[in-house]
Protein backbone atom coordinates (compact mmCIF):
# COMPACT_ATOMS: atom_id res chain seq x y z
CA GLY A 1 -21.89 -70.54 -85.69
CA VAL A 2 -19.82 -72.50 -88.20
CA PHE A 3 -17.98 -70.61 -90.95
CA SER A 4 -15.73 -71.07 -94.00
CA CYS A 5 -12.44 -69.31 -94.62
CA PRO A 6 -12.79 -66.59 -97.34
CA GLY A 7 -9.19 -67.25 -98.36
CA CYS A 8 -8.93 -71.03 -98.87
CA GLY A 9 -12.51 -72.22 -98.34
CA LEU A 10 -11.69 -74.36 -95.30
CA GLU A 11 -15.02 -75.26 -93.70
CA GLU A 12 -16.42 -76.08 -90.27
CA LEU A 13 -14.55 -73.27 -88.46
CA SER A 14 -15.86 -71.62 -85.31
CA GLU A 15 -15.51 -67.86 -85.00
CA ASN A 16 -12.40 -68.18 -82.81
CA ALA A 17 -10.91 -70.84 -85.09
CA LEU A 18 -11.42 -68.64 -88.19
CA HIS A 19 -9.82 -65.76 -86.35
CA LEU A 20 -6.74 -67.81 -85.61
CA HIS A 21 -6.69 -69.57 -88.98
CA MET A 22 -6.55 -66.35 -90.95
CA GLN A 23 -3.46 -65.22 -88.90
CA LEU A 24 -1.59 -68.50 -89.22
CA HIS A 25 -2.38 -69.43 -92.79
CA HIS A 26 -3.11 -66.17 -94.64
CA SER A 27 -0.82 -63.56 -93.13
CA VAL A 28 1.09 -63.32 -96.45
CA ASP A 29 -1.95 -63.66 -98.74
CA ILE A 30 -3.93 -60.98 -100.52
CA LEU A 31 -7.49 -61.82 -99.53
CA LYS A 32 -10.36 -61.14 -101.87
CA GLU A 33 -12.46 -58.38 -100.52
CA GLY A 34 -16.03 -59.34 -99.87
CA PRO A 35 -18.60 -59.80 -97.14
CA CYS A 36 -17.34 -61.03 -93.73
CA PRO A 37 -18.18 -64.78 -93.43
CA ILE A 38 -19.17 -64.17 -89.83
CA CYS A 39 -21.36 -61.07 -89.85
CA GLY A 40 -21.80 -60.39 -93.55
CA LYS A 41 -20.41 -56.83 -93.30
CA LYS A 42 -18.50 -55.55 -96.30
CA ASP A 43 -15.31 -53.89 -95.12
CA GLY A 44 -12.43 -52.37 -97.05
CA ASN A 45 -9.93 -54.58 -95.26
CA LEU A 46 -11.36 -58.04 -94.46
CA ALA A 47 -8.30 -59.17 -92.52
CA VAL A 48 -8.45 -56.17 -90.20
CA HIS A 49 -12.22 -56.46 -89.77
CA VAL A 50 -12.09 -60.15 -88.76
CA HIS A 51 -9.25 -59.50 -86.36
CA ASN A 52 -10.76 -56.50 -84.63
CA ASP A 53 -14.47 -57.27 -84.74
CA HIS A 54 -14.54 -61.05 -84.16
CA GLY A 55 -12.76 -63.78 -82.23
CA PRO A 56 -11.55 -63.58 -78.64
CA PRO A 57 -11.91 -59.99 -77.37
CA GLU A 58 -8.52 -60.13 -75.64
CA GLU A 59 -6.84 -60.84 -78.99
CA ARG A 60 -8.25 -57.75 -80.71
CA GLU A 61 -6.50 -54.42 -81.10
CA PRO A 62 -7.33 -52.05 -78.27
CA PRO A 63 -9.29 -48.87 -79.14
CA HIS A 64 -7.08 -46.04 -80.33
CA ALA A 65 -5.91 -43.62 -77.70
CA PRO A 66 -7.64 -40.21 -77.89
CA PHE A 67 -4.25 -38.63 -78.69
CA GLN A 68 -2.59 -40.05 -81.80
CA THR A 69 1.15 -40.56 -81.67
CA PHE A 70 3.53 -43.29 -82.76
CA SER A 71 6.73 -44.95 -81.57
CA TRP A 72 9.35 -46.77 -83.71
CA CYS A 73 12.08 -49.12 -82.54
CA VAL A 74 15.54 -49.48 -84.10
CA CYS A 75 16.90 -52.44 -82.20
CA ARG A 76 20.60 -53.26 -82.59
CA ARG A 77 22.30 -56.33 -81.15
CA ARG A 78 25.85 -56.21 -79.73
CA ASP A 79 27.19 -57.83 -82.89
CA GLY A 80 25.75 -55.01 -84.99
CA ARG A 81 22.75 -56.86 -86.40
CA PHE A 82 19.37 -55.14 -86.50
CA LEU A 83 15.87 -56.40 -85.81
CA LEU A 84 13.76 -56.61 -89.00
CA VAL A 85 10.05 -57.46 -88.93
CA ASN A 86 7.95 -58.93 -91.77
CA GLU A 87 4.58 -57.26 -91.48
CA PRO A 88 1.48 -59.24 -92.58
CA ALA A 89 -0.49 -58.41 -95.70
CA GLY A 90 -3.52 -57.25 -93.73
CA ILE A 91 -1.68 -54.21 -92.27
CA SER A 92 1.00 -53.76 -94.95
CA GLY A 93 -0.94 -52.57 -97.92
CA GLY A 94 -2.25 -55.92 -99.15
CA ARG A 95 1.05 -57.80 -99.17
CA PRO A 96 3.67 -58.63 -96.61
CA GLY A 97 6.44 -56.10 -96.20
CA PHE A 98 9.62 -55.68 -94.18
CA TRP A 99 9.77 -52.87 -91.61
CA LEU A 100 10.91 -52.11 -88.08
CA PRO A 101 8.85 -52.69 -84.92
CA ALA A 102 6.54 -49.68 -84.69
CA GLY A 103 3.02 -48.64 -83.94
CA ARG A 104 0.56 -46.41 -82.11
CA VAL A 105 1.12 -45.40 -78.52
CA ASP A 106 -1.67 -47.06 -76.56
CA ARG A 107 -3.85 -45.45 -73.90
CA GLY A 108 -1.76 -44.43 -70.88
CA GLU A 109 1.58 -45.32 -72.45
CA SER A 110 4.69 -43.27 -72.81
CA LEU A 111 6.64 -43.20 -76.11
CA GLN A 112 9.34 -45.43 -74.72
CA GLU A 113 6.86 -47.91 -73.28
CA ALA A 114 5.20 -48.20 -76.67
CA CYS A 115 8.61 -48.83 -78.30
CA VAL A 116 9.29 -51.73 -75.89
CA ARG A 117 5.78 -53.18 -76.38
CA GLU A 118 5.94 -53.04 -80.19
CA ALA A 119 9.26 -54.86 -80.25
CA LEU A 120 7.83 -57.64 -78.09
CA GLU A 121 4.56 -57.91 -80.01
CA GLU A 122 5.98 -57.73 -83.53
CA ALA A 123 9.38 -59.34 -83.08
CA GLY A 124 9.04 -61.40 -79.91
CA VAL A 125 12.13 -59.71 -78.38
CA ARG A 126 12.27 -57.91 -75.07
CA VAL A 127 14.27 -54.68 -75.48
CA ARG A 128 15.48 -51.76 -73.46
CA VAL A 129 15.63 -48.23 -74.90
CA THR A 130 19.14 -46.77 -75.08
CA GLY A 131 18.58 -43.49 -76.89
CA LEU A 132 16.46 -41.21 -79.06
CA LEU A 133 17.27 -41.09 -82.76
CA ARG A 134 14.58 -38.78 -84.25
CA LEU A 135 11.45 -36.86 -83.47
CA MET A 136 9.17 -36.31 -86.45
CA VAL A 137 6.01 -34.28 -86.79
CA ASP A 138 3.87 -34.52 -89.94
CA GLY A 139 1.58 -31.96 -91.51
CA HIS A 140 -1.27 -33.00 -89.22
CA GLY A 141 0.80 -32.49 -86.10
CA THR A 142 1.20 -36.17 -85.40
CA LEU A 143 4.33 -36.99 -83.37
CA ARG A 144 6.54 -39.98 -84.18
CA ALA A 145 9.52 -40.92 -82.04
CA ILE A 146 12.30 -43.20 -83.24
CA PHE A 147 14.27 -44.88 -80.47
CA LEU A 148 17.44 -46.93 -80.44
CA ALA A 149 17.15 -50.07 -78.36
CA GLU A 150 19.02 -53.28 -77.58
CA PRO A 151 17.73 -56.76 -76.66
CA GLU A 152 17.63 -57.51 -72.95
CA ASP A 153 18.98 -60.97 -73.85
CA PRO A 154 21.65 -60.79 -76.62
CA THR A 155 20.89 -64.42 -77.50
CA ALA A 156 17.15 -63.86 -77.95
CA GLU A 157 15.71 -65.34 -81.13
CA PRO A 158 12.94 -63.38 -82.82
CA LYS A 159 9.47 -64.88 -83.30
CA SER A 160 8.92 -67.31 -86.20
CA LEU A 161 5.25 -68.18 -85.80
CA PRO A 162 2.89 -65.84 -87.71
CA ASP A 163 0.27 -63.92 -85.83
CA TRP A 164 -1.66 -60.67 -86.30
CA GLU A 165 1.33 -58.51 -85.40
CA SER A 166 3.83 -59.99 -87.84
CA VAL A 167 4.68 -62.91 -90.10
CA GLY A 168 7.95 -63.20 -88.20
CA ALA A 169 11.17 -61.32 -87.50
CA MET A 170 14.91 -61.73 -87.92
CA TRP A 171 18.32 -60.28 -87.09
CA VAL A 172 19.99 -58.80 -90.20
CA ASP A 173 23.29 -57.23 -91.06
CA VAL A 174 23.06 -53.90 -92.91
CA LYS A 175 24.83 -55.45 -95.91
CA GLU A 176 21.96 -57.94 -96.22
CA LEU A 177 19.49 -55.12 -96.68
CA LYS A 178 20.98 -54.54 -100.14
CA LYS A 179 19.33 -57.80 -101.24
CA LEU A 180 15.89 -56.27 -100.72
CA LYS A 181 14.10 -54.11 -103.25
CA GLU A 182 12.11 -51.07 -102.20
CA SER A 183 8.95 -53.06 -103.01
CA ASP A 184 9.95 -55.70 -100.43
CA TYR A 185 9.39 -53.18 -97.62
CA ARG A 186 6.20 -51.87 -96.06
CA HIS A 187 8.24 -48.69 -96.13
CA PRO A 188 12.03 -48.56 -96.70
CA ASP A 189 12.82 -46.88 -93.34
CA PRO A 190 15.19 -49.74 -92.26
CA ALA A 191 17.21 -49.28 -95.44
CA GLU A 192 17.73 -45.64 -94.50
CA LEU A 193 18.02 -45.81 -90.74
CA TYR A 194 20.00 -48.99 -90.07
CA PRO A 195 23.06 -48.09 -92.12
CA GLN A 196 23.18 -44.60 -90.64
CA VAL A 197 23.10 -46.02 -87.14
CA ALA A 198 25.68 -48.68 -88.01
CA SER A 199 28.06 -46.10 -89.45
CA GLY A 200 27.62 -43.65 -86.63
CA ARG A 201 26.13 -40.93 -88.88
CA LEU A 202 22.92 -41.12 -86.86
CA LYS A 203 23.75 -40.97 -83.18
CA PRO A 204 21.35 -41.49 -80.27
CA GLU A 205 20.51 -38.71 -77.87
CA PRO A 206 19.72 -39.36 -74.17
CA VAL A 207 16.20 -40.12 -73.09
CA ASP A 208 16.67 -39.46 -69.37
CA THR A 209 16.80 -35.68 -69.56
CA LYS A 210 14.30 -33.57 -67.64
CA ASP A 211 12.94 -32.00 -70.84
CA PHE A 212 12.31 -35.28 -72.65
CA GLN A 213 10.74 -36.83 -69.55
CA SER A 214 8.46 -33.85 -69.37
CA LEU A 215 7.33 -34.50 -72.96
CA GLU A 216 6.81 -38.16 -72.09
CA ASP A 217 4.62 -37.21 -69.12
CA VAL A 218 2.44 -34.95 -71.32
CA VAL A 219 2.08 -37.66 -73.98
CA ARG A 220 0.97 -40.21 -71.35
CA ARG A 221 -1.66 -37.82 -70.01
CA LEU A 222 -2.92 -37.00 -73.53
CA THR A 223 -3.27 -40.67 -74.45
CA LEU A 224 -5.39 -41.06 -71.31
CA GLY A 225 -7.65 -38.31 -72.63
CA ASP A 226 -6.54 -35.61 -70.21
CA LEU A 227 -7.47 -32.50 -72.22
CA SER A 228 -5.88 -30.20 -69.60
CA ALA A 229 -2.49 -31.40 -70.86
CA GLU A 230 -2.96 -29.97 -74.37
CA PRO A 231 -1.57 -26.49 -73.55
CA GLU A 232 1.44 -28.15 -71.91
CA LEU A 233 2.36 -30.09 -75.08
CA ASN A 234 3.60 -27.04 -76.98
CA ARG A 235 5.60 -25.86 -73.98
CA ALA A 236 7.16 -29.29 -73.49
CA TRP A 237 7.93 -29.57 -77.26
CA ARG A 238 9.66 -26.12 -77.28
CA ARG A 239 11.83 -27.13 -74.34
CA VAL A 240 12.88 -30.31 -76.08
CA GLN A 241 13.69 -28.36 -79.26
CA LYS A 242 15.90 -26.01 -77.29
CA SER A 243 17.77 -28.72 -75.42
CA TYR A 244 18.36 -31.24 -78.27
CA PRO A 245 20.33 -30.85 -81.53
CA ALA A 246 18.39 -29.52 -84.49
CA GLY A 247 19.25 -32.65 -86.50
CA LEU A 248 17.06 -34.74 -84.21
CA PHE A 249 13.89 -33.09 -85.54
CA GLN A 250 12.33 -33.85 -88.93
CA ARG A 251 9.10 -33.23 -90.80
CA GLY A 252 7.45 -36.36 -92.00
């Protein structure tokens, strides 16, 4: 079929061309909600719908893992600069917003593997995890892990070409974050976390301990849909709580 862009009206686009066009040209735009130009379906988030339901299958988001958990990446370069991502409007509440590389743990991943993948997808930088900064559990029991990481290549430049994952990314000094308003962020986590890491108030804990590796193994099994691992999650979590400082754990 041949379609028109719902954002700018550009015509004569194939399904795959429209899929790519919306990422490249409308990642910072608030799109009018309406029927999908490809299938006619009315969806609450047109950008997400077009990305995940149309275009090349290999470009779409994978199905959510059966166990929901998230991984965040605080990436610091040797010169003290931090990796900041500009998230596109489609996944940032209708407008672009600055944040850190973060996202769901995919099927069969560990928390650390998800951290590394998110940094590559959203910022275009290959990283290695160097420590654990926080473990958070919200009121629904959803686990979020925040890792400290560093670029594998200290000279690596972040991505500058918009795609579904981000508008782009950059290295920033913590002082530069003061130029941003709270409304400039998807969520102001970088404004809280980066200065604390830079000052040493938030220190990383090791990720190579037996207890944390046990938690990672359980998470990987759960994301694969292994229901037999559910009873082990609480046991692994209690062991991690006993072996790590209380300040590592937060509700949220």
